[in-house]
């Protein structure tokens, strides 16, 4: 079976966080990582034990030919291709989580808190950029095949209109605009 592509280590770590231990359900996991060769492809292997039950956990992902590097402090999860690891609904959920605790205004925040809020908003914008990669050229919304996880389908079922291109672009741009206020 072909390995799934992890376009960046950030994408691989999000994927692992969203896949709890099968033995006990623990989501915390601090793996050791290494680069290995699998069927002639370079791959990243993350392995370790569950901190709750001690079960052995391992994830192996194919590495891209070119690894996109972050620009300044603006998070990036991948290249121009849609993710093979996370579906559109999981990315939208991540955007919600990243922006969820950010205050509406930077007033009263110290430098560290402002920097954290800015990073969270830029992470939310980057997650919505990932959702947009699932919208085919000329289409209005994420198609059904862009949602394969139970979590992704649940996010979609709760509010399908959020997967329309115009709403995704507006939300992404709003997160970027808000992030600039926290600079």
Protein backbone atom coordinates (compact mmCIF):
# COMPACT_ATOMS: atom_id res chain seq x y z
CA UNK A 1 0.00 0.00 0.00
CA UNK A 2 1.31 3.43 -0.93
CA UNK A 3 2.16 5.77 1.90
CA UNK A 4 0.15 8.95 2.30
CA UNK A 5 1.99 12.18 1.64
CA UNK A 6 2.75 14.55 4.53
CA UNK A 7 3.60 17.82 2.79
CA UNK A 8 5.10 19.31 5.98
CA UNK A 9 5.91 18.10 9.47
CA UNK A 10 3.20 20.46 10.78
CA UNK A 11 0.61 18.61 8.69
CA UNK A 12 1.90 15.25 9.95
CA UNK A 13 1.68 16.40 13.59
CA UNK A 14 -1.89 17.67 13.18
CA UNK A 15 -2.84 14.35 11.61
CA UNK A 16 -1.33 12.43 14.53
CA UNK A 17 -3.08 14.66 17.09
CA UNK A 18 -6.40 13.90 15.43
CA UNK A 19 -5.76 10.14 15.58
CA UNK A 20 -5.88 9.13 19.25
CA UNK A 21 -4.44 5.91 20.63
CA UNK A 22 -6.59 2.99 19.51
CA UNK A 23 -6.07 1.22 22.83
CA UNK A 24 -7.15 3.99 25.21
CA UNK A 25 -8.20 7.09 23.26
CA UNK A 26 -5.34 9.31 24.48
CA UNK A 27 -4.50 12.03 21.96
CA UNK A 28 -1.19 13.13 23.52
CA UNK A 29 1.77 11.60 21.72
CA UNK A 30 5.38 12.79 21.69
CA UNK A 31 7.04 10.59 19.09
CA UNK A 32 10.63 10.30 18.04
CA UNK A 33 11.02 11.01 14.35
CA UNK A 34 13.35 9.67 11.72
CA UNK A 35 13.70 9.64 7.96
CA UNK A 36 13.46 6.16 6.45
CA UNK A 37 13.16 4.63 3.00
CA UNK A 38 9.98 2.73 2.17
CA UNK A 39 9.57 1.10 -1.25
CA UNK A 40 12.14 3.47 -2.73
CA UNK A 41 10.53 6.63 -1.32
CA UNK A 42 11.84 8.78 1.50
CA UNK A 43 9.45 8.81 4.42
CA UNK A 44 9.09 10.27 7.89
CA UNK A 45 8.51 7.79 10.69
CA UNK A 46 7.06 8.96 13.98
CA UNK A 47 7.08 6.34 16.69
CA UNK A 48 6.75 6.06 20.44
CA UNK A 49 4.46 4.88 23.18
CA UNK A 50 1.17 6.22 24.40
CA UNK A 51 1.78 8.16 27.65
CA UNK A 52 -1.45 6.79 29.15
CA UNK A 53 -1.45 3.07 28.37
CA UNK A 54 2.03 2.40 26.94
CA UNK A 55 0.72 1.07 23.61
CA UNK A 56 3.21 1.31 20.75
CA UNK A 57 2.22 3.94 18.19
CA UNK A 58 3.74 4.56 14.78
CA UNK A 59 2.95 6.74 11.78
CA UNK A 60 4.86 6.67 8.49
CA UNK A 61 4.33 9.31 5.80
CA UNK A 62 5.82 9.77 2.35
CA UNK A 63 7.93 12.93 2.06
CA UNK A 64 7.39 15.38 -0.81
CA UNK A 65 10.10 15.99 -3.38
CA UNK A 66 10.15 19.66 -2.35
CA UNK A 67 9.25 20.62 1.20
CA UNK A 68 7.59 24.05 1.41
CA UNK A 69 9.28 26.28 3.95
CA UNK A 70 7.40 28.74 6.13
CA UNK A 71 7.57 32.39 5.17
CA UNK A 72 8.49 34.53 8.18
CA UNK A 73 6.04 33.61 10.93
CA UNK A 74 3.16 32.80 8.55
CA UNK A 75 2.20 29.12 9.01
CA UNK A 76 2.02 26.84 5.97
CA UNK A 77 0.81 23.27 5.97
CA UNK A 78 1.56 22.28 2.41
CA UNK A 79 2.04 23.11 -1.21
CA UNK A 80 -0.68 23.81 -3.80
CA UNK A 81 -2.10 20.27 -3.62
CA UNK A 82 -4.99 19.30 -1.33
CA UNK A 83 -3.97 17.27 1.69
CA UNK A 84 -3.95 13.48 1.53
CA UNK A 85 -3.97 13.27 5.33
CA UNK A 86 -6.67 15.67 6.47
CA UNK A 87 -9.95 16.30 4.73
CA UNK A 88 -11.60 19.68 4.19
CA UNK A 89 -13.74 19.35 7.31
CA UNK A 90 -10.78 18.60 9.55
CA UNK A 91 -8.99 21.68 8.21
CA UNK A 92 -12.07 23.84 8.83
CA UNK A 93 -12.30 22.44 12.37
CA UNK A 94 -8.62 23.31 12.92
CA UNK A 95 -9.29 26.88 11.76
CA UNK A 96 -12.14 27.15 14.25
CA UNK A 97 -9.99 25.82 17.09
CA UNK A 98 -7.03 28.07 16.25
CA UNK A 99 -9.13 31.23 16.18
CA UNK A 100 -11.53 30.19 18.93
CA UNK A 101 -9.78 31.76 21.93
CA UNK A 102 -8.43 34.89 20.28
CA UNK A 103 -9.87 38.06 21.80
CA UNK A 104 -11.66 40.45 19.45
CA UNK A 105 -9.15 43.24 20.07
CA UNK A 106 -5.51 43.43 21.13
CA UNK A 107 -6.26 46.02 23.81
CA UNK A 108 -4.73 45.10 27.15
CA UNK A 109 -2.61 42.22 25.84
CA UNK A 110 1.10 42.10 26.52
CA UNK A 111 3.61 41.44 23.72
CA UNK A 112 3.64 37.68 24.23
CA UNK A 113 -0.17 37.46 24.24
CA UNK A 114 -0.41 39.61 21.10
CA UNK A 115 2.15 37.44 19.32
CA UNK A 116 0.26 34.28 20.32
CA UNK A 117 -3.07 35.72 19.13
CA UNK A 118 -1.50 36.75 15.83
CA UNK A 119 -0.02 33.28 15.33
CA UNK A 120 -3.37 31.66 16.14
CA UNK A 121 -5.16 33.86 13.58
CA UNK A 122 -2.55 33.17 10.91
CA UNK A 123 -2.85 29.45 11.67
CA UNK A 124 -6.62 29.71 11.22
CA UNK A 125 -6.11 31.51 7.90
CA UNK A 126 -3.65 28.83 6.75
CA UNK A 127 -6.14 26.09 7.69
CA UNK A 128 -8.82 27.78 5.56
CA UNK A 129 -6.33 28.03 2.71
CA UNK A 130 -6.06 24.24 3.00
CA UNK A 131 -9.86 23.87 2.81
CA UNK A 132 -9.89 26.02 -0.35
CA UNK A 133 -7.48 23.60 -2.03
CA UNK A 134 -10.32 21.05 -2.06
CA UNK A 135 -12.55 23.36 -4.15
CA UNK A 136 -11.98 22.40 -7.82
CA UNK A 137 -11.27 25.19 -10.33
CA UNK A 138 -14.54 26.73 -11.45
CA UNK A 139 -16.52 25.13 -8.60
CA UNK A 140 -18.40 26.94 -5.84
CA UNK A 141 -17.74 24.61 -2.94
CA UNK A 142 -15.87 21.63 -1.54
CA UNK A 143 -17.26 18.49 -3.24
CA UNK A 144 -18.33 15.40 -1.24
CA UNK A 145 -15.08 13.56 -2.04
CA UNK A 146 -13.21 16.27 -0.08
CA UNK A 147 -14.77 14.93 3.14
CA UNK A 148 -13.74 11.40 4.10
CA UNK A 149 -13.25 11.46 7.88
CA UNK A 150 -16.08 11.17 10.37
CA UNK A 151 -15.01 14.44 11.96
CA UNK A 152 -14.89 16.20 8.59
CA UNK A 153 -18.33 14.95 7.62
CA UNK A 154 -19.70 16.05 11.01
CA UNK A 155 -18.32 19.57 10.54
CA UNK A 156 -19.90 19.65 7.08
CA UNK A 157 -23.25 18.33 8.32
CA UNK A 158 -23.39 21.01 11.03
CA UNK A 159 -23.12 23.85 8.51
CA UNK A 160 -22.60 22.94 4.84
CA UNK A 161 -22.66 26.58 3.72
CA UNK A 162 -19.29 27.16 5.37
CA UNK A 163 -17.70 25.01 2.63
CA UNK A 164 -18.62 27.47 -0.13
CA UNK A 165 -15.64 29.19 -1.77
CA UNK A 166 -16.91 32.73 -1.13
CA UNK A 167 -17.39 32.09 2.61
CA UNK A 168 -14.04 30.34 2.97
CA UNK A 169 -12.23 33.20 1.23
CA UNK A 170 -14.04 35.81 3.34
CA UNK A 171 -13.23 34.01 6.60
CA UNK A 172 -9.58 33.45 5.60
CA UNK A 173 -9.18 37.12 4.66
CA UNK A 174 -10.84 38.24 7.90
CA UNK A 175 -8.42 36.13 9.94
CA UNK A 176 -5.49 37.70 8.07
CA UNK A 177 -6.87 41.21 8.60
CA UNK A 178 -7.40 40.55 12.30
CA UNK A 179 -3.89 39.11 12.62
CA UNK A 180 -2.47 42.38 11.32
CA UNK A 181 -4.12 44.21 14.26
CA UNK A 182 -2.16 42.07 16.70
CA UNK A 183 1.23 42.78 15.11
